N, C-alpha and C. Protein backbone atom coordinates (compact mmCIF):
# COMPACT_ATOMS: atom_id res chain seq x y z
N UNK A 1 1.89 7.27 0.67
CA UNK A 1 2.10 7.51 2.09
C UNK A 1 1.19 8.64 2.54
N UNK A 2 0.52 8.41 3.64
CA UNK A 2 -0.34 9.45 4.22
C UNK A 2 0.51 10.50 4.94
N UNK A 3 -0.06 11.67 5.14
CA UNK A 3 0.59 12.66 5.98
C UNK A 3 0.68 12.09 7.39
N UNK A 4 1.86 12.13 8.02
CA UNK A 4 1.99 11.56 9.36
C UNK A 4 1.01 12.17 10.36
N UNK A 5 0.37 11.30 11.11
CA UNK A 5 -0.62 11.75 12.10
C UNK A 5 -0.50 10.99 13.42
N UNK A 6 -0.31 9.67 13.35
CA UNK A 6 -0.21 8.85 14.55
C UNK A 6 1.26 8.45 14.76
N UNK A 7 1.96 9.27 15.53
CA UNK A 7 3.38 9.05 15.79
C UNK A 7 3.56 8.63 17.25
N UNK A 8 4.03 7.41 17.45
CA UNK A 8 4.31 6.89 18.79
C UNK A 8 5.71 7.34 19.21
N UNK A 9 5.85 7.88 20.40
CA UNK A 9 7.15 8.27 20.93
C UNK A 9 7.70 7.15 21.82
N UNK A 10 9.03 7.12 21.96
CA UNK A 10 9.62 6.14 22.85
C UNK A 10 11.09 6.41 23.11
N UNK A 11 11.65 5.57 23.95
CA UNK A 11 13.06 5.67 24.34
C UNK A 11 13.57 4.26 24.62
N UNK A 12 14.85 4.02 24.33
CA UNK A 12 15.44 2.71 24.57
C UNK A 12 15.46 2.38 26.06
N UNK A 13 15.14 1.14 26.38
CA UNK A 13 15.26 0.68 27.77
C UNK A 13 16.71 0.40 28.11
N UNK A 14 17.50 0.01 27.10
CA UNK A 14 18.94 -0.22 27.27
C UNK A 14 19.60 0.01 25.93
N UNK A 15 20.91 0.08 25.91
CA UNK A 15 21.62 0.35 24.66
C UNK A 15 22.55 -0.81 24.31
N UNK A 16 22.08 -2.03 24.58
CA UNK A 16 22.84 -3.24 24.26
C UNK A 16 22.16 -3.94 23.09
N UNK A 17 22.86 -4.89 22.50
CA UNK A 17 22.26 -5.68 21.43
C UNK A 17 21.07 -6.45 21.97
N UNK A 18 20.04 -6.56 21.16
CA UNK A 18 18.83 -7.28 21.57
C UNK A 18 19.13 -8.76 21.72
N UNK A 19 18.48 -9.36 22.70
CA UNK A 19 18.58 -10.81 22.90
C UNK A 19 17.42 -11.46 22.15
N UNK A 20 17.59 -12.70 21.71
CA UNK A 20 16.54 -13.36 20.92
C UNK A 20 15.16 -13.42 21.59
N UNK A 21 15.10 -13.43 22.89
CA UNK A 21 13.80 -13.56 23.55
C UNK A 21 13.20 -12.21 23.97
N UNK A 22 13.83 -11.11 23.63
CA UNK A 22 13.31 -9.79 24.00
C UNK A 22 12.23 -9.33 23.02
N UNK A 23 11.16 -8.79 23.56
CA UNK A 23 10.09 -8.23 22.73
C UNK A 23 10.39 -6.76 22.46
N UNK A 24 9.59 -6.15 21.61
CA UNK A 24 9.74 -4.71 21.38
C UNK A 24 9.52 -3.94 22.68
N UNK A 25 8.59 -4.41 23.51
CA UNK A 25 8.35 -3.76 24.81
C UNK A 25 9.55 -3.87 25.74
N UNK A 26 10.34 -4.95 25.60
CA UNK A 26 11.56 -5.10 26.40
C UNK A 26 12.64 -4.13 25.95
N UNK A 27 12.60 -3.75 24.68
CA UNK A 27 13.62 -2.89 24.10
C UNK A 27 13.28 -1.41 24.19
N UNK A 28 11.99 -1.11 24.11
CA UNK A 28 11.55 0.28 23.99
C UNK A 28 10.56 0.63 25.08
N UNK A 29 10.81 1.74 25.74
CA UNK A 29 9.87 2.29 26.70
C UNK A 29 8.97 3.25 25.92
N UNK A 30 7.78 2.76 25.54
CA UNK A 30 6.86 3.57 24.76
C UNK A 30 6.15 4.57 25.67
N UNK A 31 6.07 5.81 25.21
CA UNK A 31 5.33 6.82 25.95
C UNK A 31 3.84 6.51 25.90
N UNK A 32 3.14 6.82 26.97
CA UNK A 32 1.68 6.72 26.96
C UNK A 32 1.17 7.88 26.13
N UNK A 33 0.43 7.58 25.06
CA UNK A 33 0.01 8.62 24.14
C UNK A 33 -1.34 9.22 24.49
N UNK A 34 -2.18 8.50 25.22
CA UNK A 34 -3.42 9.07 25.70
C UNK A 34 -4.56 9.12 24.71
N UNK A 35 -4.41 8.49 23.56
CA UNK A 35 -5.48 8.48 22.56
C UNK A 35 -5.84 7.06 22.18
N UNK A 36 -7.11 6.85 21.91
CA UNK A 36 -7.62 5.53 21.55
C UNK A 36 -6.88 4.93 20.37
N UNK A 37 -6.50 5.75 19.39
CA UNK A 37 -5.86 5.25 18.18
C UNK A 37 -4.56 4.49 18.45
N UNK A 38 -3.93 4.77 19.58
CA UNK A 38 -2.67 4.10 19.91
C UNK A 38 -2.90 2.81 20.70
N UNK A 39 -4.13 2.56 21.06
CA UNK A 39 -4.48 1.36 21.83
C UNK A 39 -4.98 0.27 20.89
N UNK A 40 -5.50 -0.78 21.45
CA UNK A 40 -6.16 -1.86 20.69
C UNK A 40 -5.24 -2.51 19.66
N UNK A 41 -3.98 -2.70 20.00
CA UNK A 41 -3.08 -3.45 19.12
C UNK A 41 -2.50 -2.69 17.95
N UNK A 42 -2.50 -1.37 18.01
CA UNK A 42 -2.00 -0.58 16.89
C UNK A 42 -0.50 -0.80 16.65
N UNK A 43 0.30 -0.91 17.70
CA UNK A 43 1.74 -1.12 17.52
C UNK A 43 2.04 -2.49 16.94
N UNK A 44 1.47 -3.58 17.50
CA UNK A 44 1.72 -4.89 16.88
C UNK A 44 1.23 -4.96 15.42
N UNK A 45 0.10 -4.32 15.14
CA UNK A 45 -0.42 -4.30 13.77
C UNK A 45 0.59 -3.66 12.83
N UNK A 46 1.14 -2.52 13.22
CA UNK A 46 2.14 -1.85 12.40
C UNK A 46 3.40 -2.70 12.27
N UNK A 47 3.84 -3.31 13.37
CA UNK A 47 5.04 -4.16 13.34
C UNK A 47 4.86 -5.32 12.36
N UNK A 48 3.70 -5.98 12.41
CA UNK A 48 3.47 -7.11 11.51
C UNK A 48 3.31 -6.66 10.06
N UNK A 49 2.80 -5.47 9.84
CA UNK A 49 2.76 -4.93 8.47
C UNK A 49 4.18 -4.68 7.98
N UNK A 50 5.06 -4.23 8.87
CA UNK A 50 6.47 -4.04 8.50
C UNK A 50 7.12 -5.39 8.21
N UNK A 51 6.81 -6.40 9.01
CA UNK A 51 7.34 -7.75 8.77
C UNK A 51 6.92 -8.25 7.40
N UNK A 52 5.67 -8.03 7.03
CA UNK A 52 5.17 -8.48 5.73
C UNK A 52 5.90 -7.81 4.57
N UNK A 53 6.49 -6.66 4.81
CA UNK A 53 7.22 -5.92 3.76
C UNK A 53 8.72 -5.85 4.04
N UNK A 54 9.21 -6.74 4.88
CA UNK A 54 10.59 -6.65 5.36
C UNK A 54 11.62 -6.57 4.24
N UNK A 55 11.43 -7.34 3.18
CA UNK A 55 12.41 -7.33 2.08
C UNK A 55 12.39 -6.01 1.31
N UNK A 56 11.37 -5.20 1.54
CA UNK A 56 11.24 -3.91 0.85
C UNK A 56 11.66 -2.73 1.73
N UNK A 57 12.06 -3.03 2.97
CA UNK A 57 12.42 -1.97 3.93
C UNK A 57 13.90 -1.63 3.81
N UNK A 58 14.19 -0.35 3.87
CA UNK A 58 15.57 0.11 3.87
C UNK A 58 15.92 0.65 5.25
N UNK A 59 17.18 0.48 5.63
CA UNK A 59 17.72 1.09 6.85
C UNK A 59 18.74 2.11 6.40
N UNK A 60 18.57 3.33 6.86
CA UNK A 60 19.44 4.40 6.40
C UNK A 60 19.54 5.46 7.49
N UNK A 61 20.22 6.56 7.17
CA UNK A 61 20.32 7.67 8.13
C UNK A 61 20.34 8.98 7.36
N UNK A 62 19.99 10.03 8.08
CA UNK A 62 20.03 11.39 7.55
C UNK A 62 20.47 12.30 8.69
N UNK A 63 20.75 13.53 8.37
CA UNK A 63 21.19 14.47 9.40
C UNK A 63 20.25 15.67 9.43
N UNK A 64 19.84 16.04 10.61
CA UNK A 64 19.03 17.24 10.83
C UNK A 64 19.78 18.07 11.85
N UNK A 65 20.26 19.22 11.40
CA UNK A 65 21.16 20.07 12.20
C UNK A 65 22.33 19.19 12.66
N UNK A 66 22.58 19.07 13.95
CA UNK A 66 23.69 18.24 14.44
C UNK A 66 23.25 16.83 14.82
N UNK A 67 22.01 16.48 14.56
CA UNK A 67 21.46 15.20 14.98
C UNK A 67 21.40 14.21 13.82
N UNK A 68 22.02 13.04 14.01
CA UNK A 68 21.93 11.97 13.03
C UNK A 68 20.68 11.17 13.35
N UNK A 69 19.83 10.98 12.35
CA UNK A 69 18.57 10.26 12.50
C UNK A 69 18.67 8.97 11.69
N UNK A 70 18.56 7.84 12.38
CA UNK A 70 18.55 6.53 11.75
C UNK A 70 17.09 6.15 11.53
N UNK A 71 16.82 5.44 10.44
CA UNK A 71 15.42 5.12 10.17
C UNK A 71 15.25 3.83 9.39
N UNK A 72 14.02 3.31 9.48
CA UNK A 72 13.54 2.18 8.68
C UNK A 72 12.28 2.66 7.97
N UNK A 73 12.21 2.43 6.68
CA UNK A 73 10.99 2.74 5.92
C UNK A 73 11.02 1.93 4.63
N UNK A 74 9.91 1.89 3.93
CA UNK A 74 9.89 1.23 2.64
C UNK A 74 10.81 1.98 1.68
N UNK A 75 11.58 1.23 0.89
CA UNK A 75 12.48 1.86 -0.08
C UNK A 75 11.71 2.79 -1.01
N UNK A 76 10.52 2.37 -1.41
CA UNK A 76 9.72 3.18 -2.33
C UNK A 76 9.19 4.46 -1.69
N UNK A 77 9.17 4.52 -0.36
CA UNK A 77 8.66 5.69 0.36
C UNK A 77 9.77 6.60 0.89
N UNK A 78 11.01 6.23 0.66
CA UNK A 78 12.12 6.93 1.33
C UNK A 78 12.16 8.43 1.01
N UNK A 79 12.02 8.80 -0.22
CA UNK A 79 12.08 10.22 -0.58
C UNK A 79 10.94 10.99 0.10
N UNK A 80 9.74 10.43 0.05
CA UNK A 80 8.59 11.08 0.68
C UNK A 80 8.74 11.09 2.21
N UNK A 81 9.26 9.99 2.77
CA UNK A 81 9.50 9.93 4.21
C UNK A 81 10.42 11.07 4.65
N UNK A 82 11.51 11.29 3.91
CA UNK A 82 12.46 12.34 4.29
C UNK A 82 11.82 13.72 4.24
N UNK A 83 10.93 13.94 3.29
CA UNK A 83 10.20 15.22 3.24
C UNK A 83 9.29 15.37 4.46
N UNK A 84 8.59 14.28 4.81
CA UNK A 84 7.73 14.30 5.99
C UNK A 84 8.55 14.51 7.27
N UNK A 85 9.69 13.83 7.35
CA UNK A 85 10.55 13.98 8.53
C UNK A 85 10.98 15.43 8.71
N UNK A 86 11.37 16.06 7.62
CA UNK A 86 11.78 17.46 7.68
C UNK A 86 10.64 18.33 8.19
N UNK A 87 9.43 18.11 7.67
CA UNK A 87 8.28 18.91 8.11
C UNK A 87 7.90 18.62 9.55
N UNK A 88 8.04 17.37 9.98
CA UNK A 88 7.75 17.03 11.38
C UNK A 88 8.72 17.73 12.33
N UNK A 89 9.98 17.78 11.95
CA UNK A 89 10.96 18.43 12.82
C UNK A 89 10.80 19.94 12.86
N UNK A 90 10.17 20.49 11.84
CA UNK A 90 9.88 21.92 11.82
C UNK A 90 8.49 22.22 12.39
N UNK A 91 7.84 21.18 12.89
CA UNK A 91 6.52 21.30 13.52
C UNK A 91 5.48 21.86 12.55
N UNK A 92 5.55 21.41 11.29
CA UNK A 92 4.64 21.89 10.26
C UNK A 92 3.38 21.03 10.12
N UNK A 93 3.33 19.90 10.82
CA UNK A 93 2.16 19.03 10.76
C UNK A 93 1.45 19.03 12.10
N UNK A 94 0.16 18.88 12.03
CA UNK A 94 -0.63 18.67 13.24
C UNK A 94 -0.81 17.16 13.37
N UNK A 95 -0.21 16.58 14.40
CA UNK A 95 -0.33 15.16 14.66
C UNK A 95 -1.31 14.93 15.81
N UNK A 96 -1.77 13.71 15.95
CA UNK A 96 -2.76 13.38 16.99
C UNK A 96 -2.23 13.76 18.37
N UNK A 97 -0.98 13.43 18.64
CA UNK A 97 -0.34 13.75 19.92
C UNK A 97 0.99 14.45 19.64
N UNK A 98 1.49 15.13 20.64
CA UNK A 98 2.76 15.85 20.55
C UNK A 98 3.90 14.89 20.19
N UNK A 99 4.73 15.25 19.21
CA UNK A 99 5.82 14.35 18.78
C UNK A 99 7.16 14.64 19.44
N UNK A 100 7.40 15.86 19.84
CA UNK A 100 8.69 16.24 20.43
C UNK A 100 9.80 16.26 19.37
N UNK A 101 9.44 16.21 18.09
CA UNK A 101 10.45 16.15 17.03
C UNK A 101 11.06 17.50 16.70
N UNK A 102 10.39 18.59 17.06
CA UNK A 102 10.94 19.90 16.71
C UNK A 102 12.28 20.16 17.40
N UNK A 103 12.56 19.44 18.48
CA UNK A 103 13.86 19.58 19.15
C UNK A 103 15.00 19.18 18.23
N UNK A 104 14.73 18.28 17.29
CA UNK A 104 15.78 17.82 16.37
C UNK A 104 16.24 18.92 15.43
N UNK A 105 15.37 19.89 15.19
CA UNK A 105 15.70 20.96 14.26
C UNK A 105 16.40 22.14 14.93
N UNK A 106 16.32 22.19 16.23
CA UNK A 106 16.94 23.29 16.96
C UNK A 106 18.33 22.85 17.42
N UNK A 107 19.32 23.39 16.81
CA UNK A 107 20.70 23.02 17.07
C UNK A 107 21.02 23.09 18.56
N UNK A 108 21.58 22.01 19.07
CA UNK A 108 22.04 21.97 20.45
C UNK A 108 20.95 21.82 21.49
N UNK A 109 19.70 21.62 21.08
CA UNK A 109 18.63 21.58 22.08
C UNK A 109 18.12 20.17 22.36
N UNK A 110 18.68 19.17 21.68
CA UNK A 110 18.15 17.82 21.84
C UNK A 110 18.63 17.20 23.15
N UNK A 111 17.70 16.78 23.99
CA UNK A 111 18.08 16.30 25.32
C UNK A 111 17.76 14.82 25.56
N UNK A 112 17.44 14.08 24.51
CA UNK A 112 17.22 12.63 24.60
C UNK A 112 16.01 12.21 25.42
N UNK A 113 15.08 13.10 25.74
CA UNK A 113 13.85 12.67 26.41
C UNK A 113 13.09 11.68 25.54
N UNK A 114 13.04 11.95 24.27
CA UNK A 114 12.43 11.06 23.28
C UNK A 114 13.49 10.80 22.24
N UNK A 115 13.70 9.52 21.92
CA UNK A 115 14.72 9.21 20.92
C UNK A 115 14.20 8.27 19.83
N UNK A 116 12.89 8.01 19.83
CA UNK A 116 12.30 7.14 18.84
C UNK A 116 10.92 7.65 18.46
N UNK A 117 10.63 7.60 17.16
CA UNK A 117 9.32 7.99 16.63
C UNK A 117 8.88 6.91 15.66
N UNK A 118 7.67 6.42 15.85
CA UNK A 118 7.14 5.33 15.03
C UNK A 118 5.80 5.77 14.45
N UNK A 119 5.76 5.92 13.14
CA UNK A 119 4.52 6.26 12.47
C UNK A 119 3.75 4.95 12.27
N UNK A 120 2.72 4.76 13.05
CA UNK A 120 2.02 3.48 13.06
C UNK A 120 1.00 3.34 11.93
N UNK A 121 0.83 4.38 11.13
CA UNK A 121 -0.02 4.27 9.93
C UNK A 121 0.83 4.04 8.68
N UNK A 122 1.96 4.71 8.60
CA UNK A 122 2.84 4.59 7.43
C UNK A 122 3.97 3.60 7.63
N UNK A 123 4.06 3.04 8.83
CA UNK A 123 5.02 1.97 9.14
C UNK A 123 6.47 2.36 8.90
N UNK A 124 6.86 3.51 9.45
CA UNK A 124 8.27 3.86 9.49
C UNK A 124 8.66 4.17 10.93
N UNK A 125 9.94 4.04 11.19
CA UNK A 125 10.47 4.32 12.52
C UNK A 125 11.75 5.12 12.35
N UNK A 126 11.95 6.12 13.19
CA UNK A 126 13.14 6.96 13.15
C UNK A 126 13.66 7.13 14.57
N UNK A 127 14.98 7.24 14.70
CA UNK A 127 15.57 7.36 16.03
C UNK A 127 16.93 8.05 15.96
N UNK A 128 17.28 8.71 17.04
CA UNK A 128 18.63 9.26 17.18
C UNK A 128 19.58 8.19 17.70
N UNK A 129 19.06 7.03 18.04
CA UNK A 129 19.82 5.94 18.64
C UNK A 129 19.96 4.81 17.61
N UNK A 130 21.15 4.67 17.03
CA UNK A 130 21.39 3.65 16.00
C UNK A 130 21.13 2.25 16.55
N UNK A 131 21.57 1.97 17.76
CA UNK A 131 21.38 0.64 18.35
C UNK A 131 19.89 0.31 18.45
N UNK A 132 19.09 1.29 18.76
CA UNK A 132 17.64 1.08 18.87
C UNK A 132 17.04 0.67 17.52
N UNK A 133 17.48 1.30 16.45
CA UNK A 133 17.01 0.93 15.11
C UNK A 133 17.47 -0.48 14.76
N UNK A 134 18.72 -0.80 15.06
CA UNK A 134 19.22 -2.15 14.78
C UNK A 134 18.46 -3.20 15.58
N UNK A 135 18.19 -2.91 16.84
CA UNK A 135 17.42 -3.84 17.68
C UNK A 135 15.98 -4.00 17.16
N UNK A 136 15.39 -2.91 16.73
CA UNK A 136 14.03 -2.96 16.19
C UNK A 136 14.01 -3.85 14.95
N UNK A 137 14.97 -3.66 14.06
CA UNK A 137 15.05 -4.46 12.84
C UNK A 137 15.28 -5.93 13.20
N UNK A 138 16.13 -6.20 14.16
CA UNK A 138 16.39 -7.57 14.62
C UNK A 138 15.10 -8.22 15.10
N UNK A 139 14.31 -7.48 15.86
CA UNK A 139 13.03 -8.03 16.35
C UNK A 139 12.07 -8.30 15.20
N UNK A 140 12.01 -7.40 14.22
CA UNK A 140 11.15 -7.62 13.05
C UNK A 140 11.57 -8.88 12.31
N UNK A 141 12.88 -9.03 12.09
CA UNK A 141 13.39 -10.21 11.38
C UNK A 141 13.07 -11.49 12.15
N UNK A 142 13.07 -11.40 13.46
CA UNK A 142 12.78 -12.56 14.29
C UNK A 142 11.30 -12.95 14.22
N UNK A 143 10.43 -12.02 13.83
CA UNK A 143 9.00 -12.30 13.73
C UNK A 143 8.61 -12.98 12.43
N UNK A 144 9.55 -13.03 11.48
CA UNK A 144 9.27 -13.63 10.16
C UNK A 144 9.00 -15.12 10.31
């Protein structure tokens, strides 16, 4: 796993179960990141790479201060992912664009402006919104 650098931010468009015809764009309001690396099909590329490894992906959760973080990542990368997540929340990495993850480490300061982070190079996704993770996984399974 590479050191996280290209982290897409987002927020749920709704908090209901995904419908079979909804796309990831229907489920998630992705922030405009302002860098070329996030354009040109980077999100679909990462999604399809996750689909190709779907049987190897784990869904789990961890806690950072008072915030429960739900995530999807490769089972083989889980330990390393959690170390990266901790460093991202402590703002110890320089990423291409601002992640807004340091709010997760400051007790009581999380305001839900951003509730989803997708590493489009390492193909993991983390969120404070469990429904959003379940919907994301549902969409991946539907792409198989």
